[in-house]
C-alpha cells in the first residue's frame, strides 16, 4: 500500500510538473504573439508593411523561438491580396482554429526535441487605442488572421526531467526506508506474535500445552495469550467432567440395558413356566435364533436386538385361559382359534413402547407363526413380507418344540427334525434359512445337546 501510494504521488507530481512547463511556455508564446501583433500594427500604421518579414525574422531569432509565421484570413486576403512569401495559406484545420477565436496550444515532449506550438487568432476590434476597423474593412469581431509560433522547449524539458528524477530519487529513498521500517515493525510486532498465538491456540486445542507465555512485547498480545491459556485449562476441566459424566452415563446405561435384558428374559421364562413348556425352552430358542441370525449375515446390533426380543415371542399366552393353555389333549376348532389370538395379544402388549427392542419383540410376537407359503396366522403373510426376525424365531421355536419332549408328545430324533425342515423348505419356512440350518446342522445339534442334557 505504501509503494502504491508513493507511485501515485510521483505520478501526480510528474503530471503537475509537465502542466507547469506547458503553462509557462504557453504564456511565453502568447507574449511573443502580442509583441508580433503590436509590431505588425505599427508597420501597418506607418506604411512599412512591406518590411514586416524583417521584423518577423528578428523575432524568430529570439532564444527558444523555432519559427513564427503569419496566417492571413480569407477576409484580409480579399482586401489586401493573397499571402506573401513566408506566410501560411489557410487550410481547414487552421480555419477551424481561427473561427474558434481562442488560442490553440499543443506540446510535443516525448521526441528528442521538445516543442510547444501556439496558434493565436487576431480578432478585429474598434475598442481601445488600437482600432483595427480603421484599416480593415470588416465587421466587429472578425478574425483577421493568426500567428503560428513554435518554441523549442528541449532545455526546459530536460531540466524538468532532472528535477523530477531528483524528486523521484528522494521519494524512492524514503519509500524504501518506510517500507523496510514497516516490514520490520509488522514482522516484530504483528506476524511473529500472531504465529505464536496460532501455535498456542493449536496447543490449547489439542491440549498439549497450557503454560503461561511471556514472549510477547505487546500488552494486548499477552492478554490474548493468557486468555488462550485460561481457555485451555477450562476446556481440559470441562472435557474431564464430560468424560466422567459419560463414564457414569455408560455405566448407568449398561446397567439399565442389563436390567432390561434380564427382565425380558424373566418375562419369557415366566410365560414358559405358566405354559408348562419344557425347561429352558426360552434359552434354547434364544441360542438357536442367535446362531441362525449370524449364519444369514446379520450384524452384531441386529443379532443383539433379536436375541433380546426373542424371549417374548409367546408373551401373548398370558391372556389365554388355563383351560386351553394347559389342556393335555388336542384342542378343538374353537380352542385353536382362541389359542391363535396369543399373537395379537402379545403384539398389543408390546407395540406401544418406543424402545427398539420392544418394537422388535412386538413384531416377533405377531409374526412367529406366519408361514413362507402364506398359510400361517394371524395375517397370512407370505415370503419376505414376513419380518426376518419372525422367520428366524419361527424356525428356532419349531426346532426346539420338535426336538424336546412335551406333555403331548415324545422328543423327535434329530435326523427326523432335519428331514422335517427339508420337507417344509419353501412351505412353512424361508428356504434360504432352511438351507443354512441344513448346512450347519451339526452346530444346532451341539446346542441342543448342550442345553437339553441340563433339563
Protein backbone atom coordinates (compact mmCIF):
# COMPACT_ATOMS: atom_id res chain seq x y z
CA UNK A 1 0.00 0.00 0.00
CA UNK A 2 2.87 2.40 0.80
CA UNK A 3 4.54 1.62 -2.53
CA UNK A 4 1.31 2.20 -4.42
CA UNK A 5 0.78 5.48 -2.56
CA UNK A 6 4.31 6.65 -3.42
CA UNK A 7 3.82 5.74 -7.09
CA UNK A 8 0.60 7.75 -7.14
CA UNK A 9 2.39 10.74 -5.56
CA UNK A 10 5.20 10.51 -8.12
CA UNK A 11 2.67 10.32 -10.97
CA UNK A 12 0.76 13.36 -9.70
CA UNK A 13 3.99 15.36 -9.28
CA UNK A 14 5.14 14.42 -12.78
CA UNK A 15 1.84 15.42 -14.39
CA UNK A 16 1.72 18.70 -12.46
CA UNK A 17 5.33 19.46 -13.42
CA UNK A 18 4.54 18.86 -17.07
CA UNK A 19 1.42 21.03 -16.79
CA UNK A 20 3.53 23.79 -15.21
CA UNK A 21 6.09 23.69 -18.04
CA UNK A 22 3.31 23.74 -20.64
CA UNK A 23 1.64 26.69 -18.91
CA UNK A 24 4.94 28.60 -18.73
CA UNK A 25 5.72 28.01 -22.42
CA UNK A 26 2.18 28.92 -23.35
CA UNK A 27 2.49 32.30 -21.61
CA UNK A 28 5.82 32.85 -23.37
CA UNK A 29 4.24 32.07 -26.74
CA UNK A 30 1.33 34.43 -26.02
CA UNK A 31 3.75 37.20 -25.06
CA UNK A 32 5.69 36.79 -28.31
CA UNK A 33 2.40 36.76 -30.24
CA UNK A 34 1.35 40.05 -28.63
CA UNK A 35 4.74 41.59 -29.47
CA UNK A 36 4.34 40.43 -33.07
CA UNK A 37 0.80 41.81 -33.20
CA UNK A 38 1.91 45.20 -31.87
CA UNK A 39 4.84 45.31 -34.28
CA UNK A 40 2.72 44.40 -37.31
CA UNK A 41 0.17 47.04 -36.35
CA UNK A 42 2.91 49.65 -36.06
CA UNK A 43 4.25 48.67 -39.51
CA UNK A 44 0.78 48.97 -40.98
CA UNK A 45 0.12 52.40 -39.49
CA UNK A 46 3.49 53.72 -40.63
CA UNK A 47 3.10 52.22 -44.09
CA UNK A 48 6.01 49.81 -43.70
CA UNK A 49 4.12 46.54 -44.08
CA UNK A 50 6.44 45.56 -46.91
CA UNK A 51 9.24 45.27 -44.36
CA UNK A 52 7.35 43.10 -41.89
CA UNK A 53 9.32 39.99 -42.96
CA UNK A 54 12.50 41.54 -41.48
CA UNK A 55 10.61 42.22 -38.24
CA UNK A 56 9.33 38.66 -38.02
CA UNK A 57 12.80 37.32 -38.81
CA UNK A 58 14.20 39.30 -35.88
CA UNK A 59 11.54 37.88 -33.56
CA UNK A 60 12.27 34.34 -34.83
CA UNK A 61 15.92 34.83 -33.88
CA UNK A 62 14.97 35.28 -30.22
CA UNK A 63 16.04 32.46 -27.82
CA UNK A 64 13.91 29.31 -27.98
CA UNK A 65 11.79 30.61 -30.89
CA UNK A 66 11.93 27.90 -33.53
CA UNK A 67 9.59 29.54 -36.04
CA UNK A 68 6.98 32.28 -36.33
CA UNK A 69 4.51 32.51 -39.23
CA UNK A 70 1.68 34.87 -40.20
CA UNK A 71 -1.63 33.34 -41.23
CA UNK A 72 -3.85 35.74 -43.22
CA UNK A 73 -7.64 35.21 -43.04
CA UNK A 74 -9.86 34.99 -46.11
CA UNK A 75 -11.30 38.48 -45.41
CA UNK A 76 -7.84 40.08 -45.28
CA UNK A 77 -6.83 38.25 -48.47
CA UNK A 78 -9.87 39.73 -50.23
CA UNK A 79 -8.90 43.28 -49.16
CA UNK A 80 -5.09 43.22 -49.40
CA UNK A 81 -4.37 40.27 -51.62
CA UNK A 82 -3.12 36.78 -51.01
CA UNK A 83 -0.30 35.74 -48.76
CA UNK A 84 3.25 36.82 -49.45
CA UNK A 85 6.29 34.60 -49.09
CA UNK A 86 6.73 33.24 -45.57
CA UNK A 87 3.05 33.36 -44.74
CA UNK A 88 0.85 30.29 -44.44
CA UNK A 89 -2.18 29.56 -46.53
CA UNK A 90 -5.34 28.92 -44.61
CA UNK A 91 -6.44 25.27 -44.62
CA UNK A 92 -9.42 23.61 -42.97
CA UNK A 93 -7.65 22.84 -39.68
CA UNK A 94 -6.26 26.40 -39.38
CA UNK A 95 -9.62 27.89 -40.38
CA UNK A 96 -11.33 25.88 -37.59
CA UNK A 97 -8.83 27.20 -35.03
CA UNK A 98 -9.26 30.80 -36.19
CA UNK A 99 -13.05 30.53 -36.22
CA UNK A 100 -12.93 29.40 -32.58
CA UNK A 101 -11.27 32.81 -31.79
CA UNK A 102 -9.33 31.08 -29.00
CA UNK A 103 -5.61 30.34 -28.78
CA UNK A 104 -4.62 26.76 -29.63
CA UNK A 105 -1.62 25.27 -27.79
CA UNK A 106 -0.05 21.81 -28.14
CA UNK A 107 3.11 20.33 -26.64
CA UNK A 108 5.30 17.52 -28.02
CA UNK A 109 7.71 16.47 -25.29
CA UNK A 110 8.36 12.76 -25.98
CA UNK A 111 10.58 13.27 -29.02
CA UNK A 112 14.28 14.09 -28.94
CA UNK A 113 13.40 17.77 -29.42
CA UNK A 114 10.57 19.07 -27.27
CA UNK A 115 8.41 21.82 -28.78
CA UNK A 116 5.40 23.96 -27.90
CA UNK A 117 3.24 25.25 -30.74
CA UNK A 118 0.76 28.09 -30.23
CA UNK A 119 -1.68 29.47 -32.81
CA UNK A 120 -3.10 32.82 -31.60
CA UNK A 121 -6.00 34.29 -33.66
CA UNK A 122 -6.25 38.09 -34.12
CA UNK A 123 -9.79 39.41 -33.78
CA UNK A 124 -10.81 42.81 -35.22
CA UNK A 125 -11.97 45.35 -32.67
CA UNK A 126 -12.71 49.07 -32.59
CA UNK A 127 -12.22 49.40 -28.86
CA UNK A 128 -9.20 50.87 -27.15
CA UNK A 129 -6.27 52.69 -28.69
CA UNK A 130 -5.98 50.11 -31.47
CA UNK A 131 -8.89 50.44 -33.89
CA UNK A 132 -8.50 47.60 -36.39
CA UNK A 133 -11.51 48.76 -38.38
CA UNK A 134 -9.67 51.90 -39.48
CA UNK A 135 -7.58 49.79 -41.87
CA UNK A 136 -9.58 46.59 -42.28
CA UNK A 137 -12.96 46.80 -43.91
CA UNK A 138 -14.56 44.01 -41.86
CA UNK A 139 -17.18 43.66 -39.17
CA UNK A 140 -16.50 43.80 -35.46
CA UNK A 141 -15.01 40.52 -34.04
CA UNK A 142 -13.94 39.27 -37.47
CA UNK A 143 -10.82 37.09 -37.35
CA UNK A 144 -8.09 38.89 -39.32
CA UNK A 145 -5.60 36.06 -39.09
CA UNK A 146 -3.32 34.35 -36.63
CA UNK A 147 0.31 33.98 -35.61
CA UNK A 148 1.69 30.43 -35.58
CA UNK A 149 4.60 30.24 -33.12
CA UNK A 150 6.70 27.14 -32.37
CA UNK A 151 9.06 27.24 -29.40
CA UNK A 152 11.94 24.85 -28.66
CA UNK A 153 11.49 23.77 -25.02
CA UNK A 154 14.02 20.89 -25.01
CA UNK A 155 16.15 22.67 -22.42
CA UNK A 156 13.17 23.19 -20.14
CA UNK A 157 12.00 19.62 -20.68
CA UNK A 158 15.46 18.26 -19.78
CA UNK A 159 15.66 20.40 -16.67
CA UNK A 160 12.19 19.29 -15.69
CA UNK A 161 13.21 15.64 -16.07
CA UNK A 162 16.31 16.24 -14.00
CA UNK A 163 14.29 17.85 -11.20
CA UNK A 164 11.74 15.07 -11.44
CA UNK A 165 14.45 12.43 -11.16
CA UNK A 166 15.78 14.17 -8.08
CA UNK A 167 12.27 14.23 -6.59
CA UNK A 168 11.74 10.60 -7.57
CA UNK A 169 15.04 9.62 -6.01
CA UNK A 170 14.24 11.36 -2.73
CA UNK A 171 10.73 9.89 -2.62
CA UNK A 172 12.06 6.46 -3.60
CA UNK A 173 14.69 6.59 -0.86
CA UNK A 174 12.15 7.47 1.79
CA UNK A 175 9.73 4.88 0.37
CA UNK A 176 12.35 2.14 0.78
CA UNK A 177 13.14 3.37 4.30
CA UNK A 178 9.46 3.47 5.25
CA UNK A 179 8.75 0.07 3.67
CA UNK A 180 11.74 -1.51 5.42
CA UNK A 181 10.73 0.00 8.73
CA UNK A 182 7.10 -1.05 8.34
CA UNK A 183 8.21 -4.55 7.35
CA UNK A 184 10.36 -4.76 10.46
CA UNK A 185 7.54 -3.46 12.66
CA UNK A 186 4.99 -5.86 11.13
CA UNK A 187 7.39 -8.80 11.46
CA UNK A 188 8.34 -7.99 15.05
CA UNK A 189 5.03 -6.81 16.45
CA UNK A 190 2.37 -8.46 14.27
CA UNK A 191 3.40 -11.53 12.26
CA UNK A 192 5.60 -13.27 14.85
CA UNK A 193 3.14 -12.68 17.74
CA UNK A 194 0.26 -13.90 15.55
CA UNK A 195 2.17 -17.08 14.62
CA UNK A 196 2.92 -17.65 18.28
CA UNK A 197 -0.75 -17.15 19.12
CA UNK A 198 -1.75 -19.64 16.40
CA UNK A 199 0.69 -22.22 17.77
CA UNK A 200 -0.61 -21.56 21.27
CA UNK A 201 -4.21 -21.95 20.07
CA UNK A 202 -3.33 -25.31 18.44
CA UNK A 203 -1.58 -26.42 21.62
CA UNK A 204 -4.63 -25.43 23.68
CA UNK A 205 -7.00 -27.15 21.24
CA UNK A 206 -5.03 -30.40 21.26
CA UNK A 207 -4.30 -29.97 25.00
CA UNK A 208 -0.54 -30.34 24.57
CA UNK A 209 0.48 -27.12 26.35
CA UNK A 210 -1.20 -24.82 28.88
CA UNK A 211 1.81 -22.91 30.20
CA UNK A 212 1.98 -19.13 30.51
CA UNK A 213 3.62 -17.44 27.51
CA UNK A 214 5.69 -14.30 28.16
CA UNK A 215 7.31 -13.92 24.71
CA UNK A 216 5.07 -11.03 23.60
CA UNK A 217 6.21 -7.42 23.69
CA UNK A 218 2.69 -6.09 23.23
CA UNK A 219 0.38 -5.98 26.23
CA UNK A 220 -2.60 -6.81 24.03
CA UNK A 221 -0.97 -10.00 22.68
CA UNK A 222 0.00 -11.03 26.23
CA UNK A 223 -3.60 -10.66 27.35
CA UNK A 224 -4.89 -12.69 24.39
CA UNK A 225 -2.28 -15.41 25.03
CA UNK A 226 -3.23 -15.59 28.72
CA UNK A 227 -6.89 -15.87 27.73
CA UNK A 228 -5.99 -18.76 25.40
CA UNK A 229 -4.15 -20.50 28.23
CA UNK A 230 -7.05 -19.93 30.62
CA UNK A 231 -9.48 -21.19 27.99
CA UNK A 232 -7.31 -24.31 27.56
CA UNK A 233 -7.43 -25.01 31.29
CA UNK A 234 -11.20 -24.57 31.34
CA UNK A 235 -11.53 -26.76 28.24
CA UNK A 236 -9.45 -29.50 29.86
CA UNK A 237 -11.52 -29.33 33.05
CA UNK A 238 -14.72 -29.43 31.03
CA UNK A 239 -13.51 -32.43 29.00
CA UNK A 240 -12.64 -34.19 32.26
CA UNK A 241 -16.13 -33.53 33.60
CA UNK A 242 -17.68 -34.69 30.33
CA UNK A 243 -15.56 -37.83 30.41
CA UNK A 244 -16.63 -38.56 33.98
CA UNK A 245 -20.27 -37.86 33.14
CA UNK A 246 -20.06 -40.02 30.03
CA UNK A 247 -18.48 -42.86 32.01
CA UNK A 248 -21.27 -42.60 34.58
CA UNK A 249 -23.86 -42.46 31.81
CA UNK A 250 -22.40 -45.53 30.08
CA UNK A 251 -22.35 -47.37 33.38
CA UNK A 252 -25.97 -46.48 34.09
CA UNK A 253 -26.99 -47.26 30.52
CA UNK A 254 -25.23 -50.62 30.69
CA UNK A 255 -26.96 -51.35 33.98
CA UNK A 256 -30.34 -50.36 32.54
CA UNK A 257 -29.69 -52.45 29.43
CA UNK A 258 -28.68 -55.46 31.53
CA UNK A 259 -31.74 -54.99 33.72
CA UNK A 260 -33.97 -54.77 30.64
CA UNK A 261 -32.49 -57.95 29.16
CA UNK A 262 -32.88 -59.81 32.44
CA UNK A 263 -36.44 -58.52 32.79
CA UNK A 264 -37.42 -59.57 29.27
CA UNK A 265 -35.83 -62.98 29.73
CA UNK A 266 -37.54 -63.40 33.09
CA UNK A 267 -40.88 -62.50 31.49
CA UNK A 268 -40.25 -65.14 28.83
CA UNK A 269 -39.39 -67.73 31.44
CA UNK A 270 -42.46 -66.77 33.49
CA UNK A 271 -44.65 -67.37 30.47
CA UNK A 272 -42.74 -70.63 29.85
CA UNK A 273 -43.48 -71.79 33.43
CA UNK A 274 -47.17 -70.94 33.16
CA UNK A 275 -47.45 -72.72 29.83
CA UNK A 276 -45.62 -75.74 31.33
CA UNK A 277 -43.16 -75.61 28.42
CA UNK A 278 -40.07 -77.79 28.52
CA UNK A 279 -37.48 -76.40 30.92
CA UNK A 280 -35.07 -73.86 29.34
CA UNK A 281 -37.25 -73.57 26.20
CA UNK A 282 -36.77 -69.79 26.18
CA UNK A 283 -32.97 -70.06 26.50
CA UNK A 284 -32.73 -72.61 23.68
CA UNK A 285 -34.93 -70.52 21.35
CA UNK A 286 -32.65 -67.55 22.03
CA UNK A 287 -29.48 -69.52 21.25
CA UNK A 288 -30.91 -71.16 18.13
CA UNK A 289 -32.03 -67.69 16.94
CA UNK A 290 -28.58 -66.22 17.66
CA UNK A 291 -26.87 -68.96 15.60
CA UNK A 292 -29.28 -68.69 12.66
CA UNK A 293 -29.10 -64.87 12.61
CA UNK A 294 -25.30 -65.00 12.49
CA UNK A 295 -25.38 -67.54 9.64
CA UNK A 296 -27.67 -65.34 7.50
CA UNK A 297 -25.28 -62.36 7.82
CA UNK A 298 -26.89 -60.06 10.39
CA UNK A 299 -24.63 -57.51 12.06
CA UNK A 300 -23.92 -57.51 15.79
CA UNK A 301 -26.56 -54.89 16.59
CA UNK A 302 -29.30 -56.79 14.75
CA UNK A 303 -28.33 -60.07 16.39
CA UNK A 304 -28.28 -58.45 19.83
CA UNK A 305 -31.70 -56.91 19.17
CA UNK A 306 -33.13 -60.23 18.03
CA UNK A 307 -31.90 -62.35 20.92
CA UNK A 308 -33.02 -59.73 23.47
CA UNK A 309 -36.54 -59.64 21.99
CA UNK A 310 -36.92 -63.38 21.24
CA UNK A 311 -37.84 -64.47 24.84
CA UNK A 312 -41.12 -62.56 24.46
CA UNK A 313 -42.29 -64.42 21.36
CA UNK A 314 -45.09 -66.18 23.30
CA UNK A 315 -45.80 -63.43 25.83
CA UNK A 316 -49.35 -63.17 24.49
CA UNK A 317 -50.16 -66.59 26.03
CA UNK A 318 -50.63 -64.85 29.38
CA UNK A 319 -54.02 -63.84 28.00
CA UNK A 320 -55.04 -67.40 27.08
CA UNK A 321 -57.25 -69.19 29.64
CA UNK A 322 -55.59 -72.03 31.60
CA UNK A 323 -58.27 -74.44 30.38
CA UNK A 324 -56.96 -74.04 26.86
CA UNK A 325 -53.29 -73.32 27.53
CA UNK A 326 -52.80 -76.27 29.90
CA UNK A 327 -55.07 -78.76 28.12
CA UNK A 328 -53.28 -82.13 27.77
CA UNK A 329 -55.20 -83.34 24.79
CA UNK A 330 -55.79 -81.92 21.35
CA UNK A 331 -57.61 -78.61 21.04
CA UNK A 332 -60.91 -78.39 19.23
CA UNK A 333 -61.54 -75.81 16.49
CA UNK A 334 -62.85 -73.12 18.84
CA UNK A 335 -59.94 -73.63 21.25
CA UNK A 336 -57.40 -73.43 18.42
CA UNK A 337 -58.94 -70.16 17.32
CA UNK A 338 -58.59 -68.74 20.82
CA UNK A 339 -55.01 -70.06 21.10
CA UNK A 340 -54.06 -68.28 17.85
CA UNK A 341 -55.05 -64.96 19.40
CA UNK A 342 -51.90 -65.05 21.56
CA UNK A 343 -50.02 -63.46 18.61
CA UNK A 344 -52.29 -60.40 18.62
CA UNK A 345 -52.32 -60.30 22.41
CA UNK A 346 -48.51 -60.26 22.54
CA UNK A 347 -48.33 -57.59 19.85
CA UNK A 348 -50.86 -55.38 21.66
CA UNK A 349 -48.87 -55.68 24.89
CA UNK A 350 -45.56 -54.59 23.29
CA UNK A 351 -46.45 -52.28 20.42
CA UNK A 352 -46.93 -49.12 22.50
CA UNK A 353 -43.30 -48.90 23.62
CA UNK A 354 -40.89 -46.63 21.70
CA UNK A 355 -37.86 -48.72 22.65
CA UNK A 356 -36.35 -50.50 19.68
CA UNK A 357 -36.07 -53.85 21.48
CA UNK A 358 -39.75 -53.89 22.46
CA UNK A 359 -40.78 -52.90 18.94
CA UNK A 360 -38.76 -55.87 17.68
CA UNK A 361 -40.40 -58.10 20.31
CA UNK A 362 -43.85 -56.92 19.16
CA UNK A 363 -43.02 -57.92 15.55
CA UNK A 364 -41.75 -61.35 16.66
CA UNK A 365 -44.80 -61.96 18.87
CA UNK A 366 -47.10 -61.13 15.94
CA UNK A 367 -45.32 -62.96 13.08
CA UNK A 368 -43.57 -66.04 14.53
CA UNK A 369 -46.46 -68.30 13.42
CA UNK A 370 -46.62 -66.97 9.83
CA UNK A 371 -45.62 -69.40 7.05
CA UNK A 372 -43.46 -68.77 3.95
CA UNK A 373 -46.30 -70.05 1.71
CA UNK A 374 -48.84 -67.66 3.29
CA UNK A 375 -50.88 -70.34 5.14
CA UNK A 376 -49.81 -69.22 8.61
CA UNK A 377 -51.51 -66.93 11.10
CA UNK A 378 -52.60 -64.37 12.24
CA UNK A 379 -52.35 -62.30 8.99
CA UNK A 380 -51.42 -64.92 6.39
CA UNK A 381 -48.24 -63.04 5.42
CA UNK A 382 -46.19 -64.62 2.67
CA UNK A 383 -42.46 -64.84 1.80
CA UNK A 384 -40.32 -61.83 2.60
CA UNK A 385 -43.37 -59.88 3.74
CA UNK A 386 -42.72 -61.73 6.99
CA UNK A 387 -40.06 -59.88 9.01
CA UNK A 388 -36.72 -61.69 9.14
CA UNK A 389 -36.95 -61.70 12.95
CA UNK A 390 -40.28 -63.53 12.76
CA UNK A 391 -38.90 -66.07 10.24
CA UNK A 392 -35.85 -66.85 12.39
CA UNK A 393 -37.73 -67.20 15.72
CA UNK A 394 -40.36 -69.35 13.99
CA UNK A 395 -37.70 -71.88 12.94
CA UNK A 396 -35.94 -71.75 16.33
CA UNK A 397 -39.27 -72.29 18.16
CA UNK A 398 -40.26 -75.23 15.95
CA UNK A 399 -36.77 -76.77 16.13
CA UNK A 400 -36.97 -76.77 19.93
CA UNK A 401 -40.59 -77.97 20.00
CA UNK A 402 -39.80 -80.97 17.79
CA UNK A 403 -36.50 -81.91 19.42
CA UNK A 404 -37.77 -81.87 23.05
CA UNK A 405 -40.35 -83.88 24.97
CA UNK A 406 -43.72 -82.28 25.58
CA UNK A 407 -46.76 -83.45 27.57
CA UNK A 408 -48.49 -84.32 24.35
CA UNK A 409 -45.53 -85.98 22.53
CA UNK A 410 -42.09 -87.52 22.78
CA UNK A 411 -38.93 -85.79 21.50
CA UNK A 412 -38.17 -86.38 17.83
CA UNK A 413 -34.77 -87.77 16.83
CA UNK A 414 -32.61 -85.02 15.34
CA UNK A 415 -32.43 -86.79 11.98
CA UNK A 416 -36.23 -86.69 11.84
CA UNK A 417 -36.17 -82.98 12.77
CA UNK A 418 -33.66 -82.33 9.97
CA UNK A 419 -35.84 -84.20 7.50
CA UNK A 420 -38.86 -82.16 8.60
CA UNK A 421 -37.14 -78.85 7.83
CA UNK A 422 -36.07 -80.19 4.43
CA UNK A 423 -39.65 -81.17 3.73
CA UNK A 424 -41.05 -77.79 4.85
CA UNK A 425 -38.45 -75.78 2.92
CA UNK A 426 -40.35 -73.13 0.97
CA UNK A 427 -43.60 -74.14 2.67
CA UNK A 428 -43.56 -73.32 6.35
CA UNK A 429 -40.09 -71.79 6.38
CA UNK A 430 -37.78 -69.46 4.47
CA UNK A 431 -35.88 -71.71 2.01
CA UNK A 432 -32.63 -69.80 2.49
CA UNK A 433 -32.83 -70.21 6.28
CA UNK A 434 -33.63 -73.90 5.84
CA UNK A 435 -30.51 -74.30 3.69
CA UNK A 436 -28.39 -72.59 6.34
CA UNK A 437 -29.81 -74.84 9.06
CA UNK A 438 -29.20 -77.97 6.98
CA UNK A 439 -25.64 -76.95 6.06
CA UNK A 440 -24.78 -76.17 9.69
CA UNK A 441 -26.98 -78.78 11.37
CA UNK A 442 -24.09 -80.09 13.48
CA UNK A 443 -23.89 -76.71 15.22
CA UNK A 444 -27.61 -76.76 16.05
CA UNK A 445 -27.21 -80.35 17.23
CA UNK A 446 -24.37 -79.24 19.51
CA UNK A 447 -26.53 -76.50 21.05
CA UNK A 448 -29.38 -78.99 21.54
CA UNK A 449 -27.03 -81.39 23.29
CA UNK A 450 -25.54 -78.62 25.44
CA UNK A 451 -28.86 -77.34 26.78
CA UNK A 452 -31.08 -80.46 26.59
CA UNK A 453 -28.81 -82.54 28.85
CA UNK A 454 -29.30 -79.97 31.63
CA UNK A 455 -33.08 -80.44 31.65
